[in-house]
Protein backbone atom coordinates (compact mmCIF):
# COMPACT_ATOMS: atom_id res chain seq x y z
CA MET A 1 45.60 58.10 -71.99
CA ALA A 2 42.53 58.67 -74.14
CA LEU A 3 39.10 58.08 -72.64
CA ARG A 4 36.48 55.97 -74.29
CA LYS A 5 33.17 57.58 -75.20
CA ALA A 6 30.80 57.88 -72.25
CA ALA A 7 28.25 55.84 -74.21
CA ALA A 8 30.47 52.79 -73.72
CA TYR A 9 29.61 52.81 -70.01
CA THR A 10 26.76 55.22 -69.31
CA LYS A 11 23.55 53.30 -69.88
CA LYS A 12 24.78 49.78 -69.13
CA ARG A 13 23.20 47.83 -66.34
CA VAL A 14 25.99 47.57 -63.79
CA VAL A 15 26.89 45.04 -61.15
CA PRO A 16 29.86 46.52 -59.31
CA PHE A 17 32.33 43.62 -58.96
CA THR A 18 34.96 45.99 -57.63
CA ARG A 19 35.81 44.55 -54.25
CA THR A 20 39.17 45.55 -52.82
CA SER A 21 40.81 43.86 -49.86
CA LYS A 22 44.08 43.96 -47.96
CA LYS A 23 44.48 40.26 -48.75
CA LYS A 24 45.58 39.79 -52.35
CA GLY A 25 43.50 36.69 -53.04
CA LYS A 26 40.20 38.28 -51.97
CA SER A 27 40.63 41.45 -53.98
CA TYR A 28 39.02 41.72 -57.42
CA VAL A 29 40.60 45.05 -58.31
CA LYS A 30 44.31 45.45 -57.63
CA THR A 31 44.59 49.23 -58.00
CA ILE A 32 42.00 51.91 -57.37
CA PRO A 33 42.16 55.01 -59.61
CA PRO A 34 42.57 58.30 -57.72
CA GLN A 35 39.52 60.48 -57.07
CA LYS A 36 39.23 63.35 -59.56
CA ILE A 37 36.65 65.34 -57.60
CA VAL A 38 38.61 67.62 -55.29
CA LYS A 39 35.80 69.27 -53.27
CA PHE A 40 32.16 68.33 -52.78
CA ASN A 41 30.93 71.45 -50.90
CA MET A 42 31.71 74.94 -52.22
CA GLY A 43 30.64 78.44 -51.25
CA LEU A 44 29.40 79.34 -47.77
CA GLU A 45 27.81 76.33 -46.13
CA GLY A 46 27.09 78.35 -42.98
CA LEU A 47 24.72 80.68 -44.88
CA TYR A 48 22.80 77.68 -46.17
CA ARG A 49 22.57 76.03 -42.74
CA ASN A 50 21.42 79.28 -41.08
CA GLY A 51 18.61 79.74 -43.58
CA LYS A 52 19.99 82.79 -45.39
CA LEU A 53 19.98 81.12 -48.85
CA LEU A 54 16.30 80.37 -49.38
CA HIS A 55 16.26 79.78 -53.14
CA ARG A 56 17.39 76.29 -54.06
CA LEU A 57 18.06 74.68 -57.44
CA SER A 58 18.51 70.92 -57.52
CA VAL A 59 19.60 68.81 -60.47
CA THR A 60 18.30 65.24 -60.48
CA ALA A 61 18.84 62.34 -62.86
CA ALA A 62 15.87 61.73 -65.17
CA GLU A 63 17.10 58.22 -66.07
CA PRO A 64 19.32 55.56 -64.50
CA GLY A 65 22.97 55.28 -65.54
CA GLN A 66 26.57 56.10 -64.68
CA ILE A 67 28.32 59.45 -64.51
CA ARG A 68 32.11 59.31 -64.70
CA HIS A 69 34.17 61.23 -62.17
CA ASN A 70 35.92 63.32 -64.82
CA ALA A 71 32.52 64.54 -66.09
CA LEU A 72 31.45 65.43 -62.55
CA GLU A 73 34.73 67.29 -61.96
CA ALA A 74 34.40 69.26 -65.22
CA CYS A 75 30.86 70.32 -64.25
CA ARG A 76 31.96 71.17 -60.71
CA GLN A 77 34.77 73.42 -61.91
CA TYR A 78 32.60 75.27 -64.43
CA ILE A 79 29.66 75.81 -62.05
CA ASN A 80 31.83 76.86 -59.11
CA LYS A 81 33.87 79.31 -61.18
CA ALA A 82 30.75 80.93 -62.70
CA LEU A 83 28.93 81.20 -59.33
CA ASP A 84 31.99 82.52 -57.50
CA LYS A 85 32.63 85.15 -60.17
CA GLU A 86 29.01 86.34 -60.14
CA PHE A 87 28.11 86.13 -56.41
CA LEU A 88 31.53 86.58 -54.74
CA GLY A 89 31.06 83.57 -52.46
CA GLN A 90 27.45 84.30 -51.42
CA TYR A 91 26.13 80.90 -52.55
CA PHE A 92 26.30 77.23 -51.65
CA PHE A 93 27.04 74.49 -54.18
CA ARG A 94 27.27 70.76 -53.52
CA VAL A 95 28.10 67.71 -55.63
CA CYS A 96 25.73 65.16 -54.11
CA VAL A 97 26.90 61.90 -55.74
CA TYR A 98 30.14 60.09 -54.98
CA PRO A 99 31.85 57.96 -57.64
CA HIS A 100 32.39 54.55 -56.00
CA HIS A 101 32.14 52.21 -58.97
CA ILE A 102 35.50 51.30 -60.53
CA GLN A 103 35.31 51.00 -64.31
CA ARG A 104 37.48 48.45 -66.07
CA GLU A 105 38.77 48.14 -69.60
CA ASN A 106 40.18 45.10 -71.42
CA LYS A 107 42.52 46.91 -73.79
CA MET A 108 42.72 45.52 -77.31
CA LEU A 109 45.50 46.45 -79.69
CA THR A 110 45.12 47.04 -83.41
CA GLY A 111 47.64 47.20 -86.21
CA ALA A 112 50.62 45.14 -87.32
CA GLY A 113 52.24 42.93 -84.70
CA SER A 114 49.46 43.36 -82.14
CA ASP A 115 48.38 39.72 -82.36
CA ARG A 116 51.45 38.63 -80.37
CA MET A 117 50.66 40.92 -77.43
CA GLN A 118 47.00 40.43 -76.60
CA THR A 119 45.20 37.41 -75.19
CA GLY A 120 41.66 38.08 -76.46
CA MET A 121 39.00 37.16 -73.91
CA GLN A 122 41.33 35.00 -71.81
CA LEU A 123 41.73 36.68 -68.39
CA SER A 124 39.49 39.52 -69.57
CA PHE A 125 38.54 41.11 -66.23
CA GLY A 126 40.26 44.32 -67.33
CA LYS A 127 42.35 46.98 -65.66
CA ALA A 128 40.90 49.83 -63.67
CA MET A 129 40.62 52.96 -65.82
CA GLY A 130 38.33 55.29 -63.89
CA LYS A 131 35.49 55.70 -61.40
CA ALA A 132 31.81 56.39 -61.88
CA ALA A 133 28.78 57.26 -59.78
CA ILE A 134 25.89 54.88 -60.32
CA VAL A 135 22.68 56.94 -60.23
CA LYS A 136 19.07 55.88 -60.28
CA LYS A 137 16.16 57.88 -61.61
CA GLY A 138 15.48 60.80 -59.27
CA THR A 139 18.93 60.82 -57.62
CA LEU A 140 20.11 64.29 -56.59
CA VAL A 141 23.33 65.11 -58.48
CA PHE A 142 23.95 68.85 -57.85
CA LEU A 143 22.51 71.33 -55.34
CA ILE A 144 22.78 75.13 -55.63
CA ALA A 145 21.43 77.54 -53.01
CA VAL A 146 21.36 81.30 -53.68
CA GLN A 147 19.87 84.46 -52.13
CA ASN A 148 17.31 85.81 -54.62
CA GLU A 149 15.41 85.12 -57.84
CA LYS A 150 17.87 87.07 -59.98
CA ALA A 151 20.58 84.70 -58.79
CA VAL A 152 18.31 81.75 -59.60
CA ARG A 153 18.01 82.91 -63.21
CA PHE A 154 21.81 83.13 -63.50
CA ALA A 155 22.32 79.70 -61.89
CA ARG A 156 19.72 78.17 -64.21
CA GLY A 157 21.63 79.55 -67.21
CA VAL A 158 24.86 78.05 -65.86
CA MET A 159 23.17 74.66 -65.44
CA LYS A 160 21.90 74.74 -69.03
CA LYS A 161 25.49 75.25 -70.23
CA VAL A 162 26.66 72.29 -68.12
CA LYS A 163 23.98 69.84 -69.30
CA PRO A 164 25.97 68.61 -72.36
CA LYS A 165 28.86 67.54 -70.10
CA ILE A 166 26.64 65.01 -68.28
CA PRO A 167 25.86 61.79 -70.19
CA LEU A 168 22.35 61.39 -68.76
CA ASP A 169 19.18 63.43 -69.05
CA MET A 170 18.88 65.80 -66.10
CA LYS A 171 15.90 67.51 -64.51
CA LEU A 172 16.23 70.97 -62.95
CA ASN A 173 14.01 71.67 -59.92
CA TYR A 174 13.50 75.02 -58.20
CA GLU A 175 12.07 75.60 -54.73
CA VAL A 176 11.86 78.39 -52.19
CA LEU A 177 12.65 77.29 -48.64
CA GLU A 178 11.40 78.74 -45.40
CA GLY A 179 13.01 78.62 -41.96
CA LEU A 180 16.20 76.92 -40.82
CA GLN A 181 17.98 74.24 -42.84
CA THR A 182 19.45 70.96 -41.70
CA LEU A 183 21.77 68.87 -43.83
């Protein structure tokens, strides 16, 4: 199944009419697509909680919009693989948004003979085709915690390579923490 361009969904104003219910009549969406994001916390969370990883990079959304779950999973895999290869597990990485919004598509056919199969805009609610995280301006998307400034430079380079995979403008923030952390 081919995906539509992210621009078809990304910057639209969204009202999530995606209610699901055990009772068939009350449910808007009949099937929920499976979650593509496998893990949300990677690395050593204990080091971060104990205050050993004092350098923190956070990626926030610079504009409101939607980020599809397959884009988040592609970023997660790339970032985690690069950090794990470089730091051998001495880092903490978190995907901070959860894709709740179910995206729908009213499929239209083109070509010869397709006029007999489709109904146009009659019953056009659409079938579920994916999930997305609805983010507002300033929403934290990714969090990376590392041990030193050399690691920060590497993580910043990894984040610059990931930026094209995300359909929204992102802002990269850096801070040095002191003391114990709580999540």
